[in-house]
Amino acid sequence: MSPQQKQYQKYLQRQQQAYIQQLQAEAAKAANAPPPQPSTGARGRQAQHNALLKRFDANGDGKLSEAERRVAKSTLAKERAAGAADPAAQPAAAAGAEAVGGAAQQAAAPAGKKRKRPK
């Protein structure tokens, strides 16, 4: 084997090791990643709507009254400000549902993050 071939073989081995390390880092990152957010399509919006309805509909009529809507808005604003990834982990969500009256079912609704528009 010529010296150039040996040098090229070492280069390929380094590239392969770097690629393997990159794959391992991505796999570790994916293992700790939060669950994927629902799509922004119609199904994703409907799923978000249903989750919010389950979470904040204290009287169980299938609609949000003005009081329930106020509690939902204030609770979601607090969660966004806190940067909550999991709203079910927030004590404000349970307190907000109880403020309306009755025990509302607490469902884990995904926290929506506002997207910045490209300039």
C-alpha atoms as a PDB file:
ATOM      1  CA  MET A   1       0.000   0.000   0.000  1.00  0.00           C
ATOM      2  CA  SER A   2       1.395   3.390  -0.924  1.00  0.00           C
ATOM      3  CA  PRO A   3       1.761   6.206   1.634  1.00  0.00           C
ATOM      4  CA  GLN A   4      -1.035   8.110  -0.089  1.00  0.00           C
ATOM      5  CA  GLN A   5      -3.381   5.149   0.240  1.00  0.00           C
ATOM      6  CA  LYS A   6      -2.515   4.788   3.947  1.00  0.00           C
ATOM      7  CA  GLN A   7      -3.133   8.473   4.499  1.00  0.00           C
ATOM      8  CA  TYR A   8      -6.469   8.237   2.688  1.00  0.00           C
ATOM      9  CA  GLN A   9      -7.429   5.166   4.731  1.00  0.00           C
ATOM     10  CA  LYS A  10      -6.733   7.063   7.977  1.00  0.00           C
ATOM     11  CA  TYR A  11      -8.788   9.959   6.678  1.00  0.00           C
ATOM     12  CA  LEU A  12     -11.734   7.639   5.978  1.00  0.00           C
ATOM     13  CA  GLN A  13     -11.452   6.077   9.451  1.00  0.00           C
ATOM     14  CA  ARG A  14     -11.553   9.540  11.074  1.00  0.00           C
ATOM     15  CA  GLN A  15     -14.591  10.455   8.986  1.00  0.00           C
ATOM     16  CA  GLN A  16     -16.321   7.237   9.965  1.00  0.00           C
ATOM     17  CA  GLN A  17     -15.590   7.802  13.677  1.00  0.00           C
ATOM     18  CA  ALA A  18     -16.919  11.365  13.460  1.00  0.00           C
ATOM     19  CA  TYR A  19     -20.084  10.111  11.767  1.00  0.00           C
ATOM     20  CA  ILE A  20     -20.627   7.440  14.425  1.00  0.00           C
ATOM     21  CA  GLN A  21     -20.164  10.015  17.190  1.00  0.00           C
ATOM     22  CA  GLN A  22     -22.663  12.304  15.484  1.00  0.00           C
ATOM     23  CA  LEU A  23     -25.221   9.494  15.242  1.00  0.00           C
ATOM     24  CA  GLN A  24     -24.717   8.594  18.900  1.00  0.00           C
ATOM     25  CA  ALA A  25     -25.181  12.230  19.938  1.00  0.00           C
ATOM     26  CA  GLU A  26     -28.386  12.502  17.876  1.00  0.00           C
ATOM     27  CA  ALA A  27     -29.726   9.254  19.358  1.00  0.00           C
ATOM     28  CA  ALA A  28     -29.036  10.484  22.885  1.00  0.00           C
ATOM     29  CA  LYS A  29     -30.692  13.800  22.083  1.00  0.00           C
ATOM     30  CA  ALA A  30     -33.752  12.036  20.635  1.00  0.00           C
ATOM     31  CA  ALA A  31     -34.088   9.849  23.729  1.00  0.00           C
ATOM     32  CA  ASN A  32     -34.416  12.966  25.905  1.00  0.00           C
ATOM     33  CA  ALA A  33     -36.523  14.945  23.437  1.00  0.00           C
ATOM     34  CA  PRO A  34     -40.066  15.977  24.367  1.00  0.00           C
ATOM     35  CA  PRO A  35     -42.917  14.295  22.503  1.00  0.00           C
ATOM     36  CA  PRO A  36     -43.609  15.781  19.080  1.00  0.00           C
ATOM     37  CA  GLN A  37     -46.116  18.613  18.865  1.00  0.00           C
ATOM     38  CA  PRO A  38     -49.308  18.024  16.888  1.00  0.00           C
ATOM     39  CA  SER A  39     -49.335  19.198  13.310  1.00  0.00           C
ATOM     40  CA  THR A  40     -50.646  22.619  12.467  1.00  0.00           C
ATOM     41  CA  GLY A  41     -53.152  21.065  10.094  1.00  0.00           C
ATOM     42  CA  ALA A  42     -56.838  20.573  10.800  1.00  0.00           C
ATOM     43  CA  ARG A  43     -56.300  17.407  12.856  1.00  0.00           C
ATOM     44  CA  GLY A  44     -53.692  19.117  15.034  1.00  0.00           C
ATOM     45  CA  ARG A  45     -55.951  22.112  15.669  1.00  0.00           C
ATOM     46  CA  GLN A  46     -58.898  19.845  16.436  1.00  0.00           C
ATOM     47  CA  ALA A  47     -56.784  17.813  18.848  1.00  0.00           C
ATOM     48  CA  GLN A  48     -55.654  21.004  20.605  1.00  0.00           C
ATOM     49  CA  HIS A  49     -59.258  22.220  20.774  1.00  0.00           C
ATOM     50  CA  ASN A  50     -60.442  18.923  22.270  1.00  0.00           C
ATOM     51  CA  ALA A  51     -57.610  18.885  24.805  1.00  0.00           C
ATOM     52  CA  LEU A  52     -58.347  22.456  25.909  1.00  0.00           C
ATOM     53  CA  LEU A  53     -62.045  21.675  26.121  1.00  0.00           C
ATOM     54  CA  LYS A  54     -61.393  18.624  28.320  1.00  0.00           C
ATOM     55  CA  ARG A  55     -59.019  20.629  30.456  1.00  0.00           C
ATOM     56  CA  PHE A  56     -61.086  23.768  31.079  1.00  0.00           C
ATOM     57  CA  ASP A  57     -64.745  22.719  30.626  1.00  0.00           C
ATOM     58  CA  ALA A  58     -65.604  22.605  34.329  1.00  0.00           C
ATOM     59  CA  ASN A  59     -69.356  22.131  33.953  1.00  0.00           C
ATOM     60  CA  GLY A  60     -69.017  19.463  31.229  1.00  0.00           C
ATOM     61  CA  ASP A  61     -71.432  21.038  28.734  1.00  0.00           C
ATOM     62  CA  GLY A  62     -69.002  20.733  25.822  1.00  0.00           C
ATOM     63  CA  LYS A  63     -68.544  24.505  25.530  1.00  0.00           C
ATOM     64  CA  LEU A  64     -66.380  27.044  27.309  1.00  0.00           C
ATOM     65  CA  SER A  65     -68.394  29.687  29.130  1.00  0.00           C
ATOM     66  CA  GLU A  66     -67.031  33.221  29.563  1.00  0.00           C
ATOM     67  CA  ALA A  67     -65.681  32.346  33.037  1.00  0.00           C
ATOM     68  CA  GLU A  68     -64.048  29.148  31.760  1.00  0.00           C
ATOM     69  CA  ARG A  69     -62.575  31.075  28.824  1.00  0.00           C
ATOM     70  CA  ARG A  70     -61.086  33.725  31.143  1.00  0.00           C
ATOM     71  CA  VAL A  71     -59.526  31.028  33.343  1.00  0.00           C
ATOM     72  CA  ALA A  72     -58.161  29.200  30.284  1.00  0.00           C
ATOM     73  CA  LYS A  73     -56.624  32.380  28.838  1.00  0.00           C
ATOM     74  CA  SER A  74     -54.992  33.415  32.089  1.00  0.00           C
ATOM     75  CA  THR A  75     -53.712  29.897  32.827  1.00  0.00           C
ATOM     76  CA  LEU A  76     -52.262  29.446  29.331  1.00  0.00           C
ATOM     77  CA  ALA A  77     -50.655  32.891  29.464  1.00  0.00           C
ATOM     78  CA  LYS A  78     -48.992  32.001  32.782  1.00  0.00           C
ATOM     79  CA  GLU A  79     -47.753  28.693  31.340  1.00  0.00           C
ATOM     80  CA  ARG A  80     -46.329  30.368  28.238  1.00  0.00           C
ATOM     81  CA  ALA A  81     -44.593  32.969  30.391  1.00  0.00           C
ATOM     82  CA  ALA A  82     -43.108  30.207  32.543  1.00  0.00           C
ATOM     83  CA  GLY A  83     -41.990  28.335  29.427  1.00  0.00           C
ATOM     84  CA  ALA A  84     -43.821  25.197  30.480  1.00  0.00           C
ATOM     85  CA  ALA A  85     -43.261  22.200  28.226  1.00  0.00           C
ATOM     86  CA  ASP A  86     -45.891  20.133  30.047  1.00  0.00           C
ATOM     87  CA  PRO A  87     -48.966  22.087  31.241  1.00  0.00           C
ATOM     88  CA  ALA A  88     -50.118  19.156  33.369  1.00  0.00           C
ATOM     89  CA  ALA A  89     -47.071  19.719  35.567  1.00  0.00           C
ATOM     90  CA  GLN A  90     -48.143  23.293  36.306  1.00  0.00           C
ATOM     91  CA  PRO A  91     -50.009  23.838  39.576  1.00  0.00           C
ATOM     92  CA  ALA A  92     -51.682  26.894  38.020  1.00  0.00           C
ATOM     93  CA  ALA A  93     -53.656  24.616  35.694  1.00  0.00           C
ATOM     94  CA  ALA A  94     -55.304  22.771  38.562  1.00  0.00           C
ATOM     95  CA  ALA A  95     -55.919  25.992  40.484  1.00  0.00           C
ATOM     96  CA  GLY A  96     -57.408  27.652  37.401  1.00  0.00           C
ATOM     97  CA  ALA A  97     -59.879  24.840  36.779  1.00  0.00           C
ATOM     98  CA  GLU A  98     -60.971  24.838  40.412  1.00  0.00           C
ATOM     99  CA  ALA A  99     -61.546  28.606  40.325  1.00  0.00           C
ATOM    100  CA  VAL A 100     -64.414  28.080  37.877  1.00  0.00           C
ATOM    101  CA  GLY A 101     -66.009  25.555  40.203  1.00  0.00           C
ATOM    102  CA  GLY A 102     -66.260  21.800  39.991  1.00  0.00           C
ATOM    103  CA  ALA A 103     -63.546  19.292  39.279  1.00  0.00           C
ATOM    104  CA  ALA A 104     -62.513  19.618  35.652  1.00  0.00           C
ATOM    105  CA  GLN A 105     -60.694  16.787  33.999  1.00  0.00           C
ATOM    106  CA  GLN A 106     -57.042  17.653  33.636  1.00  0.00           C
ATOM    107  CA  ALA A 107     -55.682  16.555  30.277  1.00  0.00           C
ATOM    108  CA  ALA A 108     -52.152  17.234  29.189  1.00  0.00           C
ATOM    109  CA  ALA A 109     -52.565  19.778  26.395  1.00  0.00           C
ATOM    110  CA  PRO A 110     -49.447  20.612  24.425  1.00  0.00           C
ATOM    111  CA  ALA A 111     -48.088  24.059  25.075  1.00  0.00           C
ATOM    112  CA  GLY A 112     -47.993  26.003  21.842  1.00  0.00           C
ATOM    113  CA  LYS A 113     -44.928  28.044  21.131  1.00  0.00           C
ATOM    114  CA  LYS A 114     -45.221  31.115  18.998  1.00  0.00           C
ATOM    115  CA  ARG A 115     -43.187  30.917  15.857  1.00  0.00           C
ATOM    116  CA  LYS A 116     -41.174  33.881  14.744  1.00  0.00           C
ATOM    117  CA  ARG A 117     -41.732  34.967  11.200  1.00  0.00           C
ATOM    118  CA  PRO A 118     -38.664  35.108   9.013  1.00  0.00           C
ATOM    119  CA  LYS A 119     -37.641  38.614   8.013  1.00  0.00           C
END
